[in-house]
């Protein structure tokens, strides 16, 4: 199920030569609850930034895709 969110912090890092991102975000309907997740580059759009408004798809609380809202 897709949910709208706001990215608060992005920390890119490499793991075994692959780009990953540690993302701190909050869902727009829960702005005071910060959540943290680590995702591989192929689950997120290029160059995520703090302040980006996004849509997060997850299954059983595991993020499967983060898309930037236009």
PDB file of N, CA and C in Angstrom:
ATOM      1  N   UNK A   1       0.827  -1.176   0.000  1.00  0.00           N
ATOM      2  CA  UNK A   1       0.000   0.000   0.000  1.00  0.00           C
ATOM      3  C   UNK A   1       0.874   1.243   0.000  1.00  0.00           C
ATOM      4  N   UNK A   2       0.638   2.146  -0.905  1.00  0.00           N
ATOM      5  CA  UNK A   2       1.435   3.367  -1.021  1.00  0.00           C
ATOM      6  C   UNK A   2       0.974   4.401   0.002  1.00  0.00           C
ATOM      7  N   UNK A   3       1.963   5.071   0.621  1.00  0.00           N
ATOM      8  CA  UNK A   3       1.670   6.132   1.581  1.00  0.00           C
ATOM      9  C   UNK A   3       2.542   7.333   1.262  1.00  0.00           C
ATOM     10  N   UNK A   4       1.984   8.530   1.441  1.00  0.00           N
ATOM     11  CA  UNK A   4       2.748   9.757   1.227  1.00  0.00           C
ATOM     12  C   UNK A   4       3.622  10.023   2.441  1.00  0.00           C
ATOM     13  N   UNK A   5       4.831  10.544   2.160  1.00  0.00           N
ATOM     14  CA  UNK A   5       5.791  10.779   3.238  1.00  0.00           C
ATOM     15  C   UNK A   5       6.694  11.959   2.894  1.00  0.00           C
ATOM     16  N   UNK A   6       7.446  12.402   3.907  1.00  0.00           N
ATOM     17  CA  UNK A   6       8.434  13.464   3.760  1.00  0.00           C
ATOM     18  C   UNK A   6       9.779  12.919   4.225  1.00  0.00           C
ATOM     19  N   UNK A   7      10.816  13.104   3.414  1.00  0.00           N
ATOM     20  CA  UNK A   7      12.166  12.661   3.794  1.00  0.00           C
ATOM     21  C   UNK A   7      12.810  13.744   4.662  1.00  0.00           C
ATOM     22  N   UNK A   8      13.308  13.330   5.834  1.00  0.00           N
ATOM     23  CA  UNK A   8      13.950  14.256   6.765  1.00  0.00           C
ATOM     24  C   UNK A   8      15.477  14.206   6.676  1.00  0.00           C
ATOM     25  N   UNK A   9      16.001  13.027   6.372  1.00  0.00           N
ATOM     26  CA  UNK A   9      17.465  12.891   6.295  1.00  0.00           C
ATOM     27  C   UNK A   9      17.806  11.761   5.336  1.00  0.00           C
ATOM     28  N   UNK A  10      18.895  11.956   4.601  1.00  0.00           N
ATOM     29  CA  UNK A  10      19.384  10.940   3.655  1.00  0.00           C
ATOM     30  C   UNK A  10      20.868  10.732   3.911  1.00  0.00           C
ATOM     31  N   UNK A  11      21.271   9.486   4.071  1.00  0.00           N
ATOM     32  CA  UNK A  11      22.681   9.156   4.251  1.00  0.00           C
ATOM     33  C   UNK A  11      23.056   8.074   3.241  1.00  0.00           C
ATOM     34  N   UNK A  12      23.674   8.470   2.117  1.00  0.00           N
ATOM     35  CA  UNK A  12      24.092   7.461   1.143  1.00  0.00           C
ATOM     36  C   UNK A  12      25.349   6.726   1.628  1.00  0.00           C
ATOM     37  N   UNK A  13      25.452   5.447   1.274  1.00  0.00           N
ATOM     38  CA  UNK A  13      26.648   4.680   1.608  1.00  0.00           C
ATOM     39  C   UNK A  13      26.798   3.529   0.619  1.00  0.00           C
ATOM     40  N   UNK A  14      28.003   2.998   0.548  1.00  0.00           N
ATOM     41  CA  UNK A  14      28.293   1.855  -0.317  1.00  0.00           C
ATOM     42  C   UNK A  14      28.415   0.599   0.524  1.00  0.00           C
ATOM     43  N   UNK A  15      27.860  -0.493   0.006  1.00  0.00           N
ATOM     44  CA  UNK A  15      27.991  -1.788   0.647  1.00  0.00           C
ATOM     45  C   UNK A  15      28.341  -2.793  -0.440  1.00  0.00           C
ATOM     46  N   UNK A  16      29.541  -3.352  -0.367  1.00  0.00           N
ATOM     47  CA  UNK A  16      30.027  -4.294  -1.382  1.00  0.00           C
ATOM     48  C   UNK A  16      29.935  -3.679  -2.785  1.00  0.00           C
ATOM     49  N   UNK A  17      30.241  -2.383  -2.890  1.00  0.00           N
ATOM     50  CA  UNK A  17      30.253  -1.706  -4.177  1.00  0.00           C
ATOM     51  C   UNK A  17      28.892  -1.273  -4.689  1.00  0.00           C
ATOM     52  N   UNK A  18      27.833  -1.503  -3.937  1.00  0.00           N
ATOM     53  CA  UNK A  18      26.481  -1.113  -4.340  1.00  0.00           C
ATOM     54  C   UNK A  18      26.014   0.081  -3.519  1.00  0.00           C
ATOM     55  N   UNK A  19      25.315   1.016  -4.170  1.00  0.00           N
ATOM     56  CA  UNK A  19      24.803   2.213  -3.504  1.00  0.00           C
ATOM     57  C   UNK A  19      23.550   1.882  -2.696  1.00  0.00           C
ATOM     58  N   UNK A  20      23.556   2.307  -1.442  1.00  0.00           N
ATOM     59  CA  UNK A  20      22.402   2.186  -0.545  1.00  0.00           C
ATOM     60  C   UNK A  20      22.130   3.544   0.066  1.00  0.00           C
ATOM     61  N   UNK A  21      20.920   3.689   0.630  1.00  0.00           N
ATOM     62  CA  UNK A  21      20.540   4.926   1.296  1.00  0.00           C
ATOM     63  C   UNK A  21      19.892   4.594   2.630  1.00  0.00           C
ATOM     64  N   UNK A  22      20.363   5.289   3.667  1.00  0.00           N
ATOM     65  CA  UNK A  22      19.666   5.267   4.940  1.00  0.00           C
ATOM     66  C   UNK A  22      18.744   6.486   4.920  1.00  0.00           C
ATOM     67  N   UNK A  23      17.456   6.254   5.060  1.00  0.00           N
ATOM     68  CA  UNK A  23      16.448   7.294   4.925  1.00  0.00           C
ATOM     69  C   UNK A  23      15.719   7.459   6.255  1.00  0.00           C
ATOM     70  N   UNK A  24      15.595   8.703   6.717  1.00  0.00           N
ATOM     71  CA  UNK A  24      14.744   9.023   7.856  1.00  0.00           C
ATOM     72  C   UNK A  24      13.562   9.792   7.290  1.00  0.00           C
ATOM     73  N   UNK A  25      12.360   9.334   7.579  1.00  0.00           N
ATOM     74  CA  UNK A  25      11.167   9.911   6.966  1.00  0.00           C
ATOM     75  C   UNK A  25      10.005   9.879   7.954  1.00  0.00           C
ATOM     76  N   UNK A  26       8.953  10.605   7.609  1.00  0.00           N
ATOM     77  CA  UNK A  26       7.694  10.521   8.361  1.00  0.00           C
ATOM     78  C   UNK A  26       6.556  10.471   7.361  1.00  0.00           C
ATOM     79  N   UNK A  27       5.559   9.683   7.675  1.00  0.00           N
ATOM     80  CA  UNK A  27       4.356   9.674   6.853  1.00  0.00           C
ATOM     81  C   UNK A  27       3.591  10.966   7.092  1.00  0.00           C
ATOM     82  N   UNK A  28       2.958  11.497   6.060  1.00  0.00           N
ATOM     83  CA  UNK A  28       2.290  12.792   6.189  1.00  0.00           C
ATOM     84  C   UNK A  28       1.140  12.764   7.191  1.00  0.00           C
ATOM     85  N   UNK A  29       0.529  11.624   7.400  1.00  0.00           N
ATOM     86  CA  UNK A  29      -0.543  11.548   8.389  1.00  0.00           C
ATOM     87  C   UNK A  29      -0.025  11.276   9.801  1.00  0.00           C
ATOM     88  N   UNK A  30       1.302  11.107   9.945  1.00  0.00           N
ATOM     89  CA  UNK A  30       1.959  10.915  11.244  1.00  0.00           C
ATOM     90  C   UNK A  30       3.242  11.745  11.284  1.00  0.00           C
ATOM     91  N   UNK A  31       3.133  13.089  11.169  1.00  0.00           N
ATOM     92  CA  UNK A  31       4.332  13.922  11.010  1.00  0.00           C
ATOM     93  C   UNK A  31       5.292  13.917  12.199  1.00  0.00           C
ATOM     94  N   UNK A  32       4.826  13.546  13.386  1.00  0.00           N
ATOM     95  CA  UNK A  32       5.690  13.549  14.569  1.00  0.00           C
ATOM     96  C   UNK A  32       6.395  12.216  14.811  1.00  0.00           C
ATOM     97  N   UNK A  33       6.120  11.212  13.980  1.00  0.00           N
ATOM     98  CA  UNK A  33       6.739   9.897  14.134  1.00  0.00           C
ATOM     99  C   UNK A  33       7.779   9.695  13.042  1.00  0.00           C
ATOM    100  N   UNK A  34       9.058   9.794  13.433  1.00  0.00           N
ATOM    101  CA  UNK A  34      10.143   9.571  12.471  1.00  0.00           C
ATOM    102  C   UNK A  34      10.419   8.079  12.359  1.00  0.00           C
ATOM    103  N   UNK A  35      10.638   7.638  11.128  1.00  0.00           N
ATOM    104  CA  UNK A  35      10.952   6.243  10.840  1.00  0.00           C
ATOM    105  C   UNK A  35      12.272   6.200  10.083  1.00  0.00           C
ATOM    106  N   UNK A  36      12.945   5.076  10.167  1.00  0.00           N
ATOM    107  CA  UNK A  36      14.236   4.915   9.498  1.00  0.00           C
ATOM    108  C   UNK A  36      14.219   3.631   8.694  1.00  0.00           C
ATOM    109  N   UNK A  37      14.821   3.692   7.514  1.00  0.00           N
ATOM    110  CA  UNK A  37      14.918   2.504   6.673  1.00  0.00           C
ATOM    111  C   UNK A  37      16.182   2.587   5.841  1.00  0.00           C
ATOM    112  N   UNK A  38      16.683   1.437   5.452  1.00  0.00           N
ATOM    113  CA  UNK A  38      17.818   1.359   4.534  1.00  0.00           C
ATOM    114  C   UNK A  38      17.331   0.670   3.270  1.00  0.00           C
ATOM    115  N   UNK A  39      17.592   1.318   2.134  1.00  0.00           N
ATOM    116  CA  UNK A  39      17.122   0.771   0.861  1.00  0.00           C
ATOM    117  C   UNK A  39      18.240   0.795  -0.170  1.00  0.00           C
ATOM    118  N   UNK A  40      18.222  -0.183  -1.055  1.00  0.00           N
ATOM    119  CA  UNK A  40      19.170  -0.234  -2.168  1.00  0.00           C
ATOM    120  C   UNK A  40      18.776   0.801  -3.220  1.00  0.00           C
ATOM    121  N   UNK A  41      19.740   1.180  -4.039  1.00  0.00           N
ATOM    122  CA  UNK A  41      19.527   2.222  -5.047  1.00  0.00           C
ATOM    123  C   UNK A  41      18.408   1.892  -6.023  1.00  0.00           C
ATOM    124  N   UNK A  42      18.143   0.625  -6.255  1.00  0.00           N
ATOM    125  CA  UNK A  42      17.104   0.278  -7.221  1.00  0.00           C
ATOM    126  C   UNK A  42      15.694   0.320  -6.630  1.00  0.00           C
ATOM    127  N   UNK A  43      15.564   0.663  -5.350  1.00  0.00           N
ATOM    128  CA  UNK A  43      14.249   0.824  -4.720  1.00  0.00           C
ATOM    129  C   UNK A  43      13.858   2.292  -4.567  1.00  0.00           C
ATOM    130  N   UNK A  44      14.720   3.199  -5.017  1.00  0.00           N
ATOM    131  CA  UNK A  44      14.486   4.630  -4.815  1.00  0.00           C
ATOM    132  C   UNK A  44      14.932   5.394  -6.057  1.00  0.00           C
ATOM    133  N   UNK A  45      14.359   6.547  -6.252  1.00  0.00           N
ATOM    134  CA  UNK A  45      14.701   7.405  -7.395  1.00  0.00           C
ATOM    135  C   UNK A  45      16.120   7.963  -7.231  1.00  0.00           C
ATOM    136  N   UNK A  46      16.736   8.452  -8.307  1.00  0.00           N
ATOM    137  CA  UNK A  46      18.106   8.984  -8.228  1.00  0.00           C
ATOM    138  C   UNK A  46      18.203  10.242  -7.368  1.00  0.00           C
ATOM    139  N   UNK A  47      19.239  10.342  -6.595  1.00  0.00           N
ATOM    140  CA  UNK A  47      19.591  11.526  -5.795  1.00  0.00           C
ATOM    141  C   UNK A  47      18.491  12.003  -4.845  1.00  0.00           C
ATOM    142  N   UNK A  48      18.017  11.151  -3.939  1.00  0.00           N
ATOM    143  CA  UNK A  48      17.028  11.621  -2.968  1.00  0.00           C
ATOM    144  C   UNK A  48      17.622  12.703  -2.070  1.00  0.00           C
ATOM    145  N   UNK A  49      16.782  13.655  -1.666  1.00  0.00           N
ATOM    146  CA  UNK A  49      17.233  14.795  -0.866  1.00  0.00           C
ATOM    147  C   UNK A  49      16.309  15.010   0.325  1.00  0.00           C
ATOM    148  N   UNK A  50      16.844  15.628   1.383  1.00  0.00           N
ATOM    149  CA  UNK A  50      16.025  16.035   2.516  1.00  0.00           C
ATOM    150  C   UNK A  50      14.957  16.995   2.022  1.00  0.00           C
ATOM    151  N   UNK A  51      13.756  16.851   2.532  1.00  0.00           N
ATOM    152  CA  UNK A  51      12.656  17.720   2.149  1.00  0.00           C
ATOM    153  C   UNK A  51      11.836  17.218   0.978  1.00  0.00           C
ATOM    154  N   UNK A  52      12.273  16.141   0.339  1.00  0.00           N
ATOM    155  CA  UNK A  52      11.512  15.580  -0.785  1.00  0.00           C
ATOM    156  C   UNK A  52      10.198  14.990  -0.291  1.00  0.00           C
ATOM    157  N   UNK A  53       9.140  15.260  -1.025  1.00  0.00           N
ATOM    158  CA  UNK A  53       7.842  14.636  -0.779  1.00  0.00           C
ATOM    159  C   UNK A  53       7.781  13.397  -1.660  1.00  0.00           C
ATOM    160  N   UNK A  54       7.465  12.264  -1.048  1.00  0.00           N
ATOM    161  CA  UNK A  54       7.554  10.984  -1.743  1.00  0.00           C
ATOM    162  C   UNK A  54       6.315  10.125  -1.487  1.00  0.00           C
ATOM    163  N   UNK A  55       6.219   9.064  -2.264  1.00  0.00           N
ATOM    164  CA  UNK A  55       5.252   8.004  -2.036  1.00  0.00           C
ATOM    165  C   UNK A  55       6.048   6.738  -1.751  1.00  0.00           C
ATOM    166  N   UNK A  56       5.727   6.087  -0.635  1.00  0.00           N
ATOM    167  CA  UNK A  56       6.445   4.891  -0.216  1.00  0.00           C
ATOM    168  C   UNK A  56       5.523   3.680  -0.325  1.00  0.00           C
ATOM    169  N   UNK A  57       5.978   2.689  -1.089  1.00  0.00           N
ATOM    170  CA  UNK A  57       5.279   1.407  -1.186  1.00  0.00           C
ATOM    171  C   UNK A  57       5.978   0.424  -0.258  1.00  0.00           C
ATOM    172  N   UNK A  58       5.197  -0.296   0.534  1.00  0.00           N
ATOM    173  CA  UNK A  58       5.777  -1.277   1.450  1.00  0.00           C
ATOM    174  C   UNK A  58       4.851  -2.476   1.578  1.00  0.00           C
ATOM    175  N   UNK A  59       5.469  -3.614   1.820  1.00  0.00           N
ATOM    176  CA  UNK A  59       4.741  -4.850   2.091  1.00  0.00           C
ATOM    177  C   UNK A  59       5.236  -5.364   3.440  1.00  0.00           C
ATOM    178  N   UNK A  60       4.316  -5.537   4.383  1.00  0.00           N
ATOM    179  CA  UNK A  60       4.667  -5.974   5.730  1.00  0.00           C
ATOM    180  C   UNK A  60       5.764  -5.090   6.329  1.00  0.00           C
ATOM    181  N   UNK A  61       5.639  -3.789   6.136  1.00  0.00           N
ATOM    182  CA  UNK A  61       6.565  -2.766   6.655  1.00  0.00           C
ATOM    183  C   UNK A  61       7.947  -2.803   6.008  1.00  0.00           C
ATOM    184  N   UNK A  62       8.115  -3.547   4.928  1.00  0.00           N
ATOM    185  CA  UNK A  62       9.382  -3.576   4.188  1.00  0.00           C
ATOM    186  C   UNK A  62       9.189  -2.740   2.922  1.00  0.00           C
ATOM    187  N   UNK A  63      10.023  -1.707   2.770  1.00  0.00           N
ATOM    188  CA  UNK A  63       9.887  -0.808   1.633  1.00  0.00           C
ATOM    189  C   UNK A  63      10.269  -1.523   0.345  1.00  0.00           C
ATOM    190  N   UNK A  64       9.380  -1.418  -0.642  1.00  0.00           N
ATOM    191  CA  UNK A  64       9.630  -2.018  -1.948  1.00  0.00           C
ATOM    192  C   UNK A  64       9.908  -0.959  -3.013  1.00  0.00           C
ATOM    193  N   UNK A  65       9.482   0.306  -2.755  1.00  0.00           N
ATOM    194  CA  UNK A  65       9.748   1.373  -3.718  1.00  0.00           C
ATOM    195  C   UNK A  65       9.477   2.721  -3.068  1.00  0.00           C
ATOM    196  N   UNK A  66      10.351   3.693  -3.373  1.00  0.00           N
ATOM    197  CA  UNK A  66      10.135   5.076  -2.978  1.00  0.00           C
ATOM    198  C   UNK A  66      10.148   5.914  -4.248  1.00  0.00           C
ATOM    199  N   UNK A  67       9.046   6.630  -4.494  1.00  0.00           N
ATOM    200  CA  UNK A  67       8.925   7.462  -5.686  1.00  0.00           C
ATOM    201  C   UNK A  67       8.768   8.918  -5.274  1.00  0.00           C
ATOM    202  N   UNK A  68       9.473   9.801  -5.956  1.00  0.00           N
ATOM    203  CA  UNK A  68       9.349  11.237  -5.690  1.00  0.00           C
ATOM    204  C   UNK A  68       8.032  11.740  -6.286  1.00  0.00           C
ATOM    205  N   UNK A  69       7.332  12.541  -5.478  1.00  0.00           N
ATOM    206  CA  UNK A  69       6.092  13.145  -5.969  1.00  0.00           C
ATOM    207  C   UNK A  69       6.433  14.341  -6.839  1.00  0.00           C
ATOM    208  N   UNK A  70       5.720  14.496  -7.915  1.00  0.00           N
ATOM    209  CA  UNK A  70       5.966  15.621  -8.831  1.00  0.00           C
ATOM    210  C   UNK A  70       5.149  16.817  -8.431  1.00  0.00           C
TER     211      UNK A  70
END
